[in-house]
């Protein structure tokens, strides 16, 4: 008699299968493949007896929700939300060594767009749930599985839409785990596992400068392009004050211990450069940030336009949203205004409680001596939709990574890939976690 298929057996294949759905999200111009990816997830759940519901915020912008509360789990406990998104940022195939949507497994890695963000965790969740259903092993508590559309564009057609239109599908969950956390960071001879407990708020802004249109040969002291350029320069060159969040302080303390050096917040990126690209993320979470990203003005070289616009990617720390907007108002000046394109709250929780204990225990059971520490991320996740419903959110998508892999650089990067062994490690940790969470 053949042994039942394990999560470790199928997780790499599931990751490859998910990558082969081109779910590129182009923002306002739309996305593709989310319906097909959601149907694939629904099919894999249905195979082991878990029904799911597909909801659409717009045609083919599909989010999946499933209740997993098999006999044997404690249904008196509130559900745990486990969430992932199926969309990815676009990829330019000519930049890659491989086809970004082929899902190839080469030299022990699964390659492709989404391998890190975040079809790896989607696959881990599917693999573990499927194995536990095949072997009749219930989680300790009910689980709410949510696979969203549109996360890569801020979630208005995904998590935010679900929270606004169907809050009852999430609001009974007390806690949630999702992306950007649980991965290892090798420092000297130690492995730190970073659990996301906080993330910056999002303020994507359109700057609009008005002026007098006219002939390009004439003097014009009310030139919209000049006014915009001055505002963009002020924003781009602004030095934001340092603000150290408690999660950031705990992370820095752990790195100081591992490196054996004291880290000055003024030059943290220099001190942490030996950690690789995560140093940039650390630097970005020590203050509010605002980066000009887009410019648009005019239609002909000899015509001064009456309006010029720019885009700014703003991020603010928990507790410093008002400071962010007050500073932007000052920096744009009197002749430029801003309009929010997409805005979302900062999210934070504390690094304590039974769920944190379960994360720590499950990681240390698979990697004895692992140091489990909180951290603050500069990017956003679907947690921004769940937190206002009262859900306590953590980034916990466990992976043990080889020290030489610059993992953070692979988020939205070229040649995105994840080690098969890391996926299998994630399955073992998540399986243990579900017994304790």
Protein backbone atom coordinates (compact mmCIF):
# COMPACT_ATOMS: atom_id res chain seq x y z
CA UNK A 1 0.00 0.00 0.00
CA UNK A 2 1.40 3.38 -1.00
CA UNK A 3 2.08 5.98 1.68
CA UNK A 4 -0.18 9.04 1.51
CA UNK A 5 1.19 12.06 -0.32
CA UNK A 6 2.83 14.46 2.12
CA UNK A 7 2.99 18.24 2.10
CA UNK A 8 6.74 18.03 1.45
CA UNK A 9 6.07 15.83 -1.58
CA UNK A 10 3.76 18.26 -3.33
CA UNK A 11 4.58 21.77 -2.12
CA UNK A 12 7.12 22.54 -4.87
CA UNK A 13 4.74 21.28 -7.54
CA UNK A 14 1.90 23.38 -6.15
CA UNK A 15 4.16 26.43 -6.13
CA UNK A 16 5.12 25.78 -9.76
CA UNK A 17 1.49 25.30 -10.75
CA UNK A 18 0.51 28.61 -9.16
CA UNK A 19 3.37 30.47 -10.86
CA UNK A 20 2.17 29.21 -14.25
CA UNK A 21 -0.98 31.28 -13.82
CA UNK A 22 0.13 34.69 -15.07
CA UNK A 23 -1.66 36.83 -12.49
CA UNK A 24 0.17 40.07 -13.29
CA UNK A 25 -1.48 43.08 -11.69
CA UNK A 26 -1.00 46.29 -13.66
CA UNK A 27 -2.86 48.49 -11.20
CA UNK A 28 -5.52 50.82 -12.63
CA UNK A 29 -5.21 49.22 -16.07
CA UNK A 30 -6.26 45.87 -14.67
CA UNK A 31 -4.97 42.38 -13.96
CA UNK A 32 -5.26 38.94 -15.45
CA UNK A 33 -5.35 35.35 -14.32
CA UNK A 34 -6.77 35.89 -10.84
CA UNK A 35 -9.94 33.96 -11.65
CA UNK A 36 -8.00 30.98 -12.98
CA UNK A 37 -5.66 30.95 -9.99
CA UNK A 38 -8.58 31.10 -7.56
CA UNK A 39 -10.30 28.26 -9.39
CA UNK A 40 -7.10 26.21 -9.14
CA UNK A 41 -6.95 26.78 -5.37
CA UNK A 42 -10.63 25.92 -5.07
CA UNK A 43 -10.05 22.69 -7.00
CA UNK A 44 -7.14 21.63 -4.78
CA UNK A 45 -9.23 22.28 -1.67
CA UNK A 46 -12.26 20.50 -3.11
CA UNK A 47 -10.14 17.41 -3.80
CA UNK A 48 -9.70 16.93 -0.05
CA UNK A 49 -13.26 17.87 0.90
CA UNK A 50 -12.99 21.59 1.71
CA UNK A 51 -15.64 23.69 -0.05
CA UNK A 52 -14.87 27.30 -0.86
CA UNK A 53 -16.61 30.40 -2.15
CA UNK A 54 -15.37 32.59 -5.00
CA UNK A 55 -16.29 36.26 -4.76
CA UNK A 56 -15.67 38.89 -7.42
CA UNK A 57 -15.31 42.62 -6.84
CA UNK A 58 -15.29 43.09 -10.62
CA UNK A 59 -15.33 40.62 -13.51
CA UNK A 60 -12.54 38.05 -12.98
CA UNK A 61 -11.10 39.90 -9.94
CA UNK A 62 -11.59 36.86 -7.78
CA UNK A 63 -11.05 36.24 -4.06
CA UNK A 64 -11.50 32.82 -2.45
CA UNK A 65 -12.80 32.21 1.07
CA UNK A 66 -12.99 28.79 2.73
CA UNK A 67 -13.90 27.60 6.22
CA UNK A 68 -11.73 24.77 7.46
CA UNK A 69 -13.18 23.53 10.74
CA UNK A 70 -13.03 19.73 10.55
CA UNK A 71 -14.19 17.40 13.29
CA UNK A 72 -11.62 17.41 16.05
CA UNK A 73 -10.85 21.13 16.12
CA UNK A 74 -12.06 23.23 19.03
CA UNK A 75 -14.97 25.13 17.53
CA UNK A 76 -15.44 27.14 20.69
CA UNK A 77 -12.30 29.10 19.73
CA UNK A 78 -12.41 32.00 17.26
CA UNK A 79 -11.06 31.17 13.79
CA UNK A 80 -7.50 31.93 12.78
CA UNK A 81 -7.28 33.79 9.47
CA UNK A 82 -4.60 32.47 7.12
CA UNK A 83 -4.38 34.70 4.08
CA UNK A 84 -2.39 34.97 0.88
CA UNK A 85 -2.79 36.78 -2.42
CA UNK A 86 -2.67 35.24 -5.88
CA UNK A 87 -1.74 38.33 -7.92
CA UNK A 88 1.86 39.30 -8.70
CA UNK A 89 3.67 42.32 -10.06
CA UNK A 90 4.42 42.15 -13.79
CA UNK A 91 7.69 40.70 -15.08
CA UNK A 92 9.67 41.59 -18.22
CA UNK A 93 10.67 38.20 -19.58
CA UNK A 94 13.76 39.49 -21.41
CA UNK A 95 15.29 40.53 -18.07
CA UNK A 96 15.10 37.02 -16.64
CA UNK A 97 17.29 33.94 -17.01
CA UNK A 98 14.11 31.83 -17.28
CA UNK A 99 10.51 32.30 -18.37
CA UNK A 100 9.02 34.09 -15.33
CA UNK A 101 5.73 32.23 -15.73
CA UNK A 102 7.02 28.72 -16.46
CA UNK A 103 7.38 27.68 -12.82
CA UNK A 104 10.56 25.72 -13.54
CA UNK A 105 12.40 23.83 -10.82
CA UNK A 106 16.13 24.23 -11.43
CA UNK A 107 19.03 23.33 -9.11
CA UNK A 108 16.76 22.96 -6.11
CA UNK A 109 14.86 26.23 -6.59
CA UNK A 110 11.37 27.01 -7.86
CA UNK A 111 11.79 29.94 -10.26
CA UNK A 112 9.21 32.46 -11.39
CA UNK A 113 7.23 35.57 -10.66
CA UNK A 114 5.50 35.01 -7.34
CA UNK A 115 7.95 32.41 -6.02
CA UNK A 116 8.68 34.80 -3.13
CA UNK A 117 5.69 37.16 -3.27
CA UNK A 118 3.71 35.14 -2.43
CA UNK A 119 2.85 31.91 -4.19
CA UNK A 120 5.41 30.15 -2.00
CA UNK A 121 3.23 30.62 1.09
CA UNK A 122 0.05 29.94 -0.89
CA UNK A 123 1.59 26.59 -1.84
CA UNK A 124 2.74 25.84 1.73
CA UNK A 125 -0.76 26.48 3.06
CA UNK A 126 -2.39 24.33 0.40
CA UNK A 127 0.11 21.50 0.86
CA UNK A 128 -0.26 21.40 4.65
CA UNK A 129 -4.05 21.67 4.63
CA UNK A 130 -4.32 18.94 2.01
CA UNK A 131 -2.05 16.56 3.92
CA UNK A 132 -3.89 17.10 7.17
CA UNK A 133 -7.23 16.45 5.50
CA UNK A 134 -5.93 13.26 3.86
CA UNK A 135 -4.62 11.98 7.18
CA UNK A 136 -7.52 13.18 9.32
CA UNK A 137 -5.49 15.60 11.44
CA UNK A 138 -7.54 18.62 12.48
CA UNK A 139 -6.00 21.95 13.48
CA UNK A 140 -6.44 23.03 17.08
CA UNK A 141 -8.95 25.72 16.13
CA UNK A 142 -11.07 26.64 13.09
CA UNK A 143 -9.16 28.13 10.19
CA UNK A 144 -10.44 30.73 7.72
CA UNK A 145 -8.55 30.50 4.44
CA UNK A 146 -8.58 33.61 2.26
CA UNK A 147 -6.75 33.96 -1.07
CA UNK A 148 -7.20 37.50 -2.34
CA UNK A 149 -7.00 39.35 -5.63
CA UNK A 150 -5.40 42.76 -6.14
CA UNK A 151 -2.97 42.92 -3.20
CA UNK A 152 -0.22 44.29 -5.43
CA UNK A 153 -2.34 47.37 -6.20
CA UNK A 154 -3.23 48.06 -2.58
CA UNK A 155 -6.25 45.75 -2.40
CA UNK A 156 -9.24 47.91 -3.40
CA UNK A 157 -10.55 45.02 -5.51
CA UNK A 158 -9.34 42.34 -3.10
CA UNK A 159 -8.93 42.43 0.68
CA UNK A 160 -10.32 45.95 1.14
CA UNK A 161 -13.34 45.12 -1.00
CA UNK A 162 -13.93 41.91 0.98
CA UNK A 163 -13.64 43.71 4.32
CA UNK A 164 -15.99 46.48 3.17
CA UNK A 165 -18.61 44.29 1.51
CA UNK A 166 -18.40 40.98 3.38
CA UNK A 167 -16.90 41.79 6.79
CA UNK A 168 -18.70 38.82 8.34
CA UNK A 169 -16.33 36.50 6.47
CA UNK A 170 -13.33 37.84 8.40
CA UNK A 171 -14.47 39.79 11.47
CA UNK A 172 -14.99 36.68 13.63
CA UNK A 173 -11.28 35.84 13.32
CA UNK A 174 -9.24 36.97 16.32
CA UNK A 175 -5.80 36.72 14.68
CA UNK A 176 -4.24 36.36 11.25
CA UNK A 177 -1.00 35.22 9.65
CA UNK A 178 0.17 36.16 6.19
CA UNK A 179 3.16 37.32 4.18
CA UNK A 180 6.46 39.13 4.88
CA UNK A 181 7.58 37.38 8.02
CA UNK A 182 8.77 34.07 9.39
CA UNK A 183 11.83 33.87 7.12
CA UNK A 184 15.35 33.42 8.42
CA UNK A 185 18.14 35.98 8.39
CA UNK A 186 21.63 34.59 8.96
CA UNK A 187 23.85 36.81 11.10
CA UNK A 188 27.28 35.35 11.85
CA UNK A 189 26.50 31.86 13.16
CA UNK A 190 22.95 32.68 14.23
CA UNK A 191 19.63 32.49 12.44
CA UNK A 192 17.08 35.15 13.27
CA UNK A 193 13.48 34.50 12.25
CA UNK A 194 11.67 37.78 11.64
CA UNK A 195 7.99 37.97 12.60
CA UNK A 196 6.23 41.00 11.20
CA UNK A 197 4.24 42.78 13.89
CA UNK A 198 3.91 46.19 12.26
CA UNK A 199 3.86 47.78 8.82
CA UNK A 200 3.97 51.33 7.59
CA UNK A 201 0.92 53.13 6.30
CA UNK A 202 0.51 53.90 2.64
CA UNK A 203 0.03 57.30 1.00
CA UNK A 204 0.32 57.23 -2.78
CA UNK A 205 -0.15 60.85 -3.80
CA UNK A 206 -0.80 62.74 -7.01
CA UNK A 207 0.82 66.18 -6.99
CA UNK A 208 -0.88 68.79 -9.19
CA UNK A 209 0.75 72.09 -10.11
CA UNK A 210 -1.27 74.81 -11.83
CA UNK A 211 0.17 77.70 -13.80
CA UNK A 212 -0.32 79.90 -16.84
CA UNK A 213 -0.10 78.19 -20.19
CA UNK A 214 1.82 80.01 -22.87
CA UNK A 215 4.40 80.06 -25.65
CA UNK A 216 7.68 78.38 -24.81
CA UNK A 217 9.69 81.34 -26.05
CA UNK A 218 8.16 83.76 -23.54
CA UNK A 219 9.12 84.41 -19.93
CA UNK A 220 6.68 82.81 -17.53
CA UNK A 221 6.95 83.18 -13.77
CA UNK A 222 3.87 81.01 -13.25
CA UNK A 223 5.19 77.90 -15.00
CA UNK A 224 3.44 74.77 -13.75
CA UNK A 225 6.43 72.58 -14.64
CA UNK A 226 8.81 74.74 -12.62
CA UNK A 227 6.44 74.81 -9.66
CA UNK A 228 6.05 71.04 -9.77
CA UNK A 229 9.79 70.44 -10.18
CA UNK A 230 10.53 72.56 -7.12
CA UNK A 231 7.96 70.68 -5.03
CA UNK A 232 9.22 67.29 -6.21
CA UNK A 233 12.80 68.28 -5.40
CA UNK A 234 11.85 69.42 -1.90
CA UNK A 235 10.03 66.17 -1.22
CA UNK A 236 12.75 63.97 -2.71
CA UNK A 237 15.51 65.72 -0.73
CA UNK A 238 13.67 65.98 2.58
CA UNK A 239 15.37 64.35 5.58
CA UNK A 240 12.63 62.87 7.73
CA UNK A 241 13.23 62.68 11.50
CA UNK A 242 14.15 59.31 13.00
CA UNK A 243 11.31 57.51 14.76
CA UNK A 244 12.11 54.10 16.28
CA UNK A 245 9.06 51.87 16.66
CA UNK A 246 9.14 49.26 19.47
CA UNK A 247 9.25 46.40 16.95
CA UNK A 248 12.20 48.06 15.24
CA UNK A 249 14.00 48.48 18.55
CA UNK A 250 13.56 44.78 19.38
CA UNK A 251 14.86 43.83 15.94
CA UNK A 252 17.90 46.09 16.29
CA UNK A 253 18.60 44.67 19.75
CA UNK A 254 18.64 41.14 18.31
CA UNK A 255 20.94 42.14 15.45
CA UNK A 256 23.26 43.96 17.87
CA UNK A 257 23.51 40.78 19.92
CA UNK A 258 24.23 38.67 16.84
CA UNK A 259 26.77 41.10 15.37
CA UNK A 260 28.34 42.00 18.67
CA UNK A 261 28.23 45.71 17.85
CA UNK A 262 26.06 48.63 18.89
CA UNK A 263 23.92 50.01 16.09
CA UNK A 264 23.50 53.76 15.90
CA UNK A 265 20.14 54.69 14.43
CA UNK A 266 21.85 57.49 12.52
CA UNK A 267 23.95 55.11 10.43
CA UNK A 268 22.02 51.86 10.74
CA UNK A 269 22.12 51.14 7.01
CA UNK A 270 25.90 51.39 7.01
CA UNK A 271 26.24 49.15 10.06
CA UNK A 272 23.75 46.63 8.72
CA UNK A 273 25.15 46.55 5.18
CA UNK A 274 26.65 43.13 5.90
CA UNK A 275 23.10 41.78 6.17
CA UNK A 276 22.44 42.45 2.48
CA UNK A 277 19.44 44.23 1.04
CA UNK A 278 17.42 43.95 4.25
CA UNK A 279 19.49 46.94 5.43
CA UNK A 280 17.50 49.12 3.02
CA UNK A 281 14.24 47.89 4.53
CA UNK A 282 15.58 48.61 8.02
CA UNK A 283 16.55 52.13 7.01
CA UNK A 284 13.14 52.72 5.46
CA UNK A 285 11.39 51.78 8.69
CA UNK A 286 13.23 54.28 10.88
CA UNK A 287 11.30 57.26 9.55
CA UNK A 288 8.46 58.32 7.31
CA UNK A 289 9.45 58.29 3.64
CA UNK A 290 8.23 59.96 0.43
CA UNK A 291 9.75 59.15 -2.95
CA UNK A 292 8.75 60.88 -6.21
CA UNK A 293 8.06 58.15 -8.76
CA UNK A 294 6.24 59.69 -11.74
CA UNK A 295 6.22 62.96 -13.74
CA UNK A 296 3.87 64.15 -16.44
CA UNK A 297 3.55 67.52 -18.16
CA UNK A 298 3.11 69.13 -21.56
CA UNK A 299 2.46 67.92 -25.08
CA UNK A 300 4.86 69.98 -27.24
CA UNK A 301 8.34 71.42 -26.73
CA UNK A 302 7.35 75.03 -27.45
CA UNK A 303 4.18 75.08 -25.34
CA UNK A 304 4.23 75.77 -21.59
CA UNK A 305 1.44 73.64 -20.13
CA UNK A 306 -1.09 74.97 -17.67
CA UNK A 307 -0.79 71.90 -15.47
CA UNK A 308 1.90 69.41 -14.44
CA UNK A 309 1.52 66.30 -12.29
CA UNK A 310 3.73 63.94 -10.36
CA UNK A 311 3.34 60.75 -8.35
CA UNK A 312 4.79 60.22 -4.89
CA UNK A 313 5.04 56.96 -2.95
CA UNK A 314 4.63 57.96 0.69
CA UNK A 315 4.89 55.62 3.69
CA UNK A 316 4.32 56.58 7.31
CA UNK A 317 5.15 54.84 10.58
CA UNK A 318 2.43 53.76 13.01
CA UNK A 319 1.48 56.83 15.00
CA UNK A 320 2.99 59.33 12.56
CA UNK A 321 0.34 59.71 9.85
CA UNK A 322 -0.53 63.28 10.85
CA UNK A 323 3.13 64.27 10.87
CA UNK A 324 3.53 62.80 7.39
CA UNK A 325 0.65 64.78 5.84
CA UNK A 326 1.56 68.00 7.65
CA UNK A 327 5.10 67.74 6.28
CA UNK A 328 3.93 67.00 2.72
CA UNK A 329 1.61 70.03 2.87
CA UNK A 330 4.54 72.21 3.84
CA UNK A 331 6.87 70.74 1.22
CA UNK A 332 4.56 71.09 -1.79
CA UNK A 333 4.23 74.85 -1.26
CA UNK A 334 1.42 77.21 -2.10
CA UNK A 335 1.17 76.56 -5.85
CA UNK A 336 0.99 72.77 -5.73
CA UNK A 337 -1.69 70.59 -4.21
CA UNK A 338 -1.85 66.86 -3.59
CA UNK A 339 -4.63 64.32 -3.90
CA UNK A 340 -4.40 60.83 -2.39
CA UNK A 341 -4.51 58.13 -5.05
CA UNK A 342 -4.40 55.21 -2.62
CA UNK A 343 -4.15 55.51 1.15
CA UNK A 344 -4.08 52.83 3.81
CA UNK A 345 -3.49 52.72 7.53
CA UNK A 346 -0.35 51.68 9.35
CA UNK A 347 -0.79 48.39 11.22
CA UNK A 348 0.79 47.29 14.47
CA UNK A 349 0.42 44.74 17.24
CA UNK A 350 2.59 43.60 20.11
CA UNK A 351 5.01 40.66 20.10
CA UNK A 352 3.36 38.57 22.78
CA UNK A 353 0.54 36.14 23.44
CA UNK A 354 -0.30 32.53 22.70
CA UNK A 355 -0.01 32.89 18.93
CA UNK A 356 3.51 34.32 19.20
CA UNK A 357 4.39 31.46 21.56
CA UNK A 358 3.09 28.99 18.96
CA UNK A 359 5.16 30.62 16.17
CA UNK A 360 8.27 30.55 18.33
CA UNK A 361 7.81 26.94 19.44
CA UNK A 362 7.11 25.67 15.93
CA UNK A 363 10.19 27.41 14.50
CA UNK A 364 12.49 26.29 17.29
CA UNK A 365 11.27 22.70 17.04
CA UNK A 366 12.50 22.62 13.43
CA UNK A 367 15.55 24.85 14.00
CA UNK A 368 16.80 24.55 17.60
CA UNK A 369 18.49 27.70 18.76
CA UNK A 370 16.59 29.92 16.35
CA UNK A 371 16.09 33.46 17.61
CA UNK A 372 12.56 34.66 16.90
CA UNK A 373 12.22 38.46 16.81
CA UNK A 374 9.63 41.02 15.69
CA UNK A 375 10.21 43.56 12.96
CA UNK A 376 8.51 46.41 11.14
CA UNK A 377 8.18 46.34 7.36
CA UNK A 378 8.22 49.27 4.98
CA UNK A 379 5.79 47.71 2.52
CA UNK A 380 2.08 46.97 2.85
CA UNK A 381 0.05 43.77 3.04
CA UNK A 382 -3.59 42.76 3.16
CA UNK A 383 -3.36 43.11 6.94
CA UNK A 384 -4.41 46.73 6.34
CA UNK A 385 -7.89 45.44 5.47
CA UNK A 386 -8.20 42.98 8.36
CA UNK A 387 -6.87 45.09 11.25
CA UNK A 388 -9.79 47.60 11.26
CA UNK A 389 -12.11 44.62 11.76
CA UNK A 390 -10.35 43.84 15.04
CA UNK A 391 -8.07 41.11 13.69
CA UNK A 392 -4.57 40.98 15.20
CA UNK A 393 -2.21 40.54 12.25
CA UNK A 394 1.24 38.95 11.95
CA UNK A 395 3.58 38.25 9.06
CA UNK A 396 4.42 34.56 9.43
CA UNK A 397 5.23 32.64 6.25
CA UNK A 398 8.06 30.43 7.58
CA UNK A 399 11.13 29.74 5.45
CA UNK A 400 14.63 28.68 6.43
CA UNK A 401 16.86 30.31 3.83
CA UNK A 402 20.47 29.70 2.79
CA UNK A 403 22.75 32.47 4.09
CA UNK A 404 23.94 33.38 0.59
CA UNK A 405 20.44 34.05 -0.78
CA UNK A 406 19.58 37.77 -0.88
CA UNK A 407 15.95 37.04 -0.18
CA UNK A 408 14.64 40.59 0.30
CA UNK A 409 16.05 41.62 -3.10
CA UNK A 410 13.86 38.97 -4.75
CA UNK A 411 10.60 40.64 -3.72
CA UNK A 412 9.43 42.14 -7.04
CA UNK A 413 12.95 41.40 -8.35
CA UNK A 414 14.35 39.72 -11.43
CA UNK A 415 14.96 35.93 -11.28
CA UNK A 416 12.63 35.53 -8.31
CA UNK A 417 13.07 32.05 -6.81
CA UNK A 418 12.65 30.06 -3.62
CA UNK A 419 14.54 26.94 -2.47
CA UNK A 420 12.52 23.71 -2.49
CA UNK A 421 14.03 22.85 0.89
CA UNK A 422 12.77 26.16 2.25
CA UNK A 423 9.25 25.34 1.11
CA UNK A 424 9.48 21.94 2.80
CA UNK A 425 10.75 23.58 5.99
CA UNK A 426 7.80 25.95 5.85
CA UNK A 427 5.42 22.99 5.60
CA UNK A 428 6.89 21.36 8.69
CA UNK A 429 6.72 24.57 10.71
CA UNK A 430 3.18 25.45 9.62
CA UNK A 431 2.04 21.89 10.38
CA UNK A 432 3.40 22.15 13.93
CA UNK A 433 1.95 25.63 14.30
CA UNK A 434 -1.57 24.46 13.46
CA UNK A 435 -1.44 22.04 16.39
CA UNK A 436 -0.69 24.92 18.78
CA UNK A 437 -2.17 28.11 17.30
